Amino acid sequence: MVSGPPATGKTTLARELARHLGCPAIMRDEIKQGMVMNHPGHDPNGDDPLNMPALEAFFATVTVLLRAGTSVVAEAAFQDRLWRPGLEPLVKIADLRIIRCTTPALTITQRITDRAQRDSHRVAHGDKALLADMEAGVYDPDQFVPISLDVPNLMVDSSDGYEPGMAEILKFLLQPERR
């Protein structure tokens, strides 16, 4: 599971890990984007009616793959309160590992600004509203509450490349199960 606040490099790292490992990468935002395509006039601001269906589809997809014996890289914001209930059942069927991406707030702001300007699909995810919330002091990425499951965790700084590096991240993911 690749987690962290918005614009910390989760999707980029998840895709890279899936490529290195030779397994599928399941991105919550890509599932939601597929839903948005079928809801003309979708407004991602406020109480977004697609958030819960996207979360349910995400966990259903990950669960089906894990039950089929497929290793998977799953990526989403994974804040504890919202995501732990969906992750807890996965501990019973998978050797779950959590990678938490971090980067300074200034880098997050720049990344959100850049992708809001260049990626028309990001409209579905309210990046402009997130930037406004950051500017108003309503949202602070440093207040992100990570997953509190008793599984191996690794913090990865994605400010400029990865620290620890890809070799260390892969070693963390591939170490034998500790049950």
Protein backbone atom coordinates (compact mmCIF):
# COMPACT_ATOMS: atom_id res chain seq x y z
CA MET A 1 0.00 0.00 0.00
CA VAL A 2 1.46 3.33 -1.07
CA SER A 3 0.02 6.16 1.01
CA GLY A 4 0.55 9.80 1.89
CA PRO A 5 -1.03 13.21 1.45
CA PRO A 6 -1.95 14.49 -2.02
CA ALA A 7 0.99 15.30 -4.34
CA THR A 8 3.62 13.43 -2.35
CA GLY A 9 4.50 11.19 -5.29
CA LYS A 10 2.31 8.19 -4.41
CA THR A 11 1.10 7.43 -7.93
CA THR A 12 4.53 7.83 -9.50
CA LEU A 13 6.12 5.55 -6.90
CA ALA A 14 3.29 2.99 -7.14
CA ARG A 15 3.67 2.74 -10.91
CA GLU A 16 7.44 2.39 -10.58
CA LEU A 17 7.09 -0.32 -7.91
CA ALA A 18 4.56 -2.25 -10.00
CA ARG A 19 6.93 -2.07 -12.97
CA HIS A 20 9.86 -3.35 -10.90
CA LEU A 21 7.79 -6.08 -9.25
CA GLY A 22 5.88 -7.13 -12.37
CA CYS A 23 2.45 -6.81 -10.81
CA PRO A 24 -0.62 -4.59 -11.26
CA ALA A 25 -0.92 -1.15 -9.70
CA ILE A 26 -4.39 -0.16 -8.51
CA MET A 27 -4.90 3.59 -8.06
CA ARG A 28 -7.93 4.90 -6.24
CA ASP A 29 -7.88 8.16 -8.22
CA GLU A 30 -7.92 6.29 -11.53
CA ILE A 31 -10.97 4.32 -10.41
CA LYS A 32 -12.69 7.56 -9.41
CA GLN A 33 -11.73 9.19 -12.72
CA GLY A 34 -13.41 6.31 -14.54
CA MET A 35 -16.55 6.96 -12.51
CA VAL A 36 -16.39 10.70 -13.23
CA MET A 37 -16.39 9.99 -16.95
CA ASN A 38 -19.88 8.50 -16.51
CA HIS A 39 -21.21 11.42 -14.45
CA PRO A 40 -21.34 14.54 -16.65
CA GLY A 41 -21.20 17.73 -14.62
CA HIS A 42 -19.50 16.03 -11.67
CA ASP A 43 -18.44 18.51 -8.97
CA PRO A 44 -15.55 17.23 -6.82
CA ASN A 45 -15.95 19.98 -4.26
CA GLY A 46 -17.87 19.65 -1.02
CA ASP A 47 -19.40 16.27 -0.24
CA ASP A 48 -18.35 14.44 -3.42
CA PRO A 49 -20.92 11.69 -4.08
CA LEU A 50 -18.32 9.56 -5.91
CA ASN A 51 -15.82 9.30 -3.05
CA MET A 52 -17.49 6.38 -1.26
CA PRO A 53 -18.30 4.38 -4.42
CA ALA A 54 -14.68 4.88 -5.56
CA LEU A 55 -13.41 3.68 -2.18
CA GLU A 56 -15.67 0.61 -2.34
CA ALA A 57 -14.62 -0.21 -5.92
CA PHE A 58 -10.96 0.24 -4.96
CA PHE A 59 -11.15 -2.23 -2.07
CA ALA A 60 -13.27 -4.68 -4.08
CA THR A 61 -10.68 -4.67 -6.87
CA VAL A 62 -7.73 -5.08 -4.52
CA THR A 63 -9.53 -7.86 -2.61
CA VAL A 64 -10.40 -9.81 -5.78
CA LEU A 65 -6.77 -9.67 -6.92
CA LEU A 66 -5.38 -10.68 -3.53
CA ARG A 67 -7.82 -13.58 -3.19
CA ALA A 68 -6.69 -14.74 -6.64
CA GLY A 69 -3.12 -14.88 -5.33
CA THR A 70 -1.96 -11.77 -7.17
CA SER A 71 0.60 -9.44 -5.65
CA VAL A 72 -0.57 -5.87 -6.10
CA VAL A 73 0.63 -2.34 -5.49
CA ALA A 74 -2.32 -0.29 -4.24
CA GLU A 75 -2.18 3.49 -4.00
CA ALA A 76 -4.42 6.02 -2.27
CA ALA A 77 -4.23 8.76 0.36
CA PHE A 78 -4.96 6.14 3.08
CA GLN A 79 -5.64 8.38 6.06
CA ASP A 80 -6.25 6.21 9.11
CA ARG A 81 -9.86 7.11 9.99
CA LEU A 82 -11.27 6.57 6.50
CA TRP A 83 -9.07 3.80 5.15
CA ARG A 84 -8.17 1.51 8.08
CA PRO A 85 -11.60 -0.23 8.05
CA GLY A 86 -10.98 -1.26 4.43
CA LEU A 87 -7.37 -2.25 5.03
CA GLU A 88 -7.88 -4.34 8.17
CA PRO A 89 -9.54 -7.28 6.33
CA LEU A 90 -6.66 -7.33 3.83
CA VAL A 91 -4.19 -8.19 6.60
CA LYS A 92 -5.87 -11.61 6.79
CA ILE A 93 -5.32 -12.38 3.10
CA ALA A 94 -2.05 -10.58 2.28
CA ASP A 95 1.38 -9.76 3.62
CA LEU A 96 0.52 -6.07 3.78
CA ARG A 97 3.31 -3.47 3.65
CA ILE A 98 2.69 0.25 3.90
CA ILE A 99 4.88 2.86 2.25
CA ARG A 100 4.16 6.43 3.32
CA CYS A 101 5.32 9.12 0.92
CA THR A 102 6.35 12.47 2.34
CA THR A 103 7.60 15.72 0.89
CA PRO A 104 7.63 19.33 2.16
CA ALA A 105 4.41 21.37 1.94
CA LEU A 106 6.01 23.79 -0.52
CA THR A 107 6.75 20.91 -2.91
CA ILE A 108 3.20 19.61 -2.48
CA THR A 109 1.81 23.05 -3.37
CA GLN A 110 3.97 23.25 -6.50
CA ARG A 111 3.06 19.72 -7.61
CA ILE A 112 -0.68 20.32 -7.14
CA THR A 113 -0.43 23.62 -9.03
CA ASP A 114 1.48 21.98 -11.88
CA ARG A 115 -0.85 19.02 -12.29
CA ALA A 116 -4.00 21.15 -11.99
CA GLN A 117 -2.72 23.17 -14.95
CA ARG A 118 -1.51 20.29 -17.16
CA ASP A 119 -3.84 17.36 -16.44
CA SER A 120 -7.49 17.86 -17.40
CA HIS A 121 -8.43 14.63 -15.60
CA ARG A 122 -7.33 16.12 -12.28
CA VAL A 123 -10.46 18.29 -12.30
CA ALA A 124 -12.25 15.23 -10.91
CA HIS A 125 -10.14 15.38 -7.78
CA GLY A 126 -10.55 19.00 -6.67
CA ASP A 127 -6.90 20.08 -6.84
CA LYS A 128 -7.84 23.76 -7.16
CA ALA A 129 -10.04 23.52 -4.07
CA LEU A 130 -7.21 21.78 -2.22
CA LEU A 131 -4.85 24.61 -3.14
CA ALA A 132 -7.39 27.15 -1.88
CA ASP A 133 -7.75 25.19 1.37
CA MET A 134 -3.97 25.14 1.81
CA GLU A 135 -3.77 28.88 1.18
CA ALA A 136 -6.58 29.56 3.66
CA GLY A 137 -4.92 27.35 6.27
CA VAL A 138 -7.85 24.90 6.26
CA TYR A 139 -5.71 22.01 4.99
CA ASP A 140 -2.21 21.23 6.19
CA PRO A 141 -0.49 18.17 4.68
CA ASP A 142 1.61 17.89 7.85
CA GLN A 143 -1.59 16.95 9.71
CA PHE A 144 -1.97 13.79 7.62
CA VAL A 145 -2.84 10.85 9.90
CA PRO A 146 -1.04 7.72 8.67
CA ILE A 147 -2.46 4.20 8.85
CA SER A 148 -2.10 2.68 12.32
CA LEU A 149 -2.06 -1.00 11.42
CA ASP A 150 0.46 -3.34 13.00
CA VAL A 151 2.21 -4.11 9.71
CA PRO A 152 5.65 -3.15 8.37
CA ASN A 153 5.84 0.55 7.44
CA LEU A 154 8.42 2.51 5.49
CA MET A 155 8.60 6.29 5.18
CA VAL A 156 9.84 7.47 1.76
CA ASP A 157 10.83 11.07 1.07
CA SER A 158 9.83 11.73 -2.55
CA SER A 159 11.00 15.35 -2.73
CA ASP A 160 13.72 14.64 -5.28
CA GLY A 161 13.83 10.99 -6.26
CA TYR A 162 13.35 8.56 -3.37
CA GLU A 163 15.01 8.38 0.01
CA PRO A 164 15.54 5.58 0.80
CA GLY A 165 16.31 4.59 -2.77
CA MET A 166 14.44 2.11 -4.96
CA ALA A 167 16.72 -0.80 -4.01
CA GLU A 168 15.95 -0.30 -0.31
CA ILE A 169 12.22 0.13 -0.99
CA LEU A 170 12.12 -3.11 -2.98
CA LYS A 171 14.08 -4.91 -0.24
CA PHE A 172 11.47 -3.70 2.28
CA LEU A 173 8.65 -5.01 0.09
CA LEU A 174 10.25 -8.36 -0.66
CA GLN A 175 11.51 -9.27 2.83
CA PRO A 176 10.00 -12.50 4.14
CA GLU A 177 6.67 -12.33 5.94
CA ARG A 178 6.97 -11.96 9.73
CA ARG A 179 3.96 -13.86 11.06
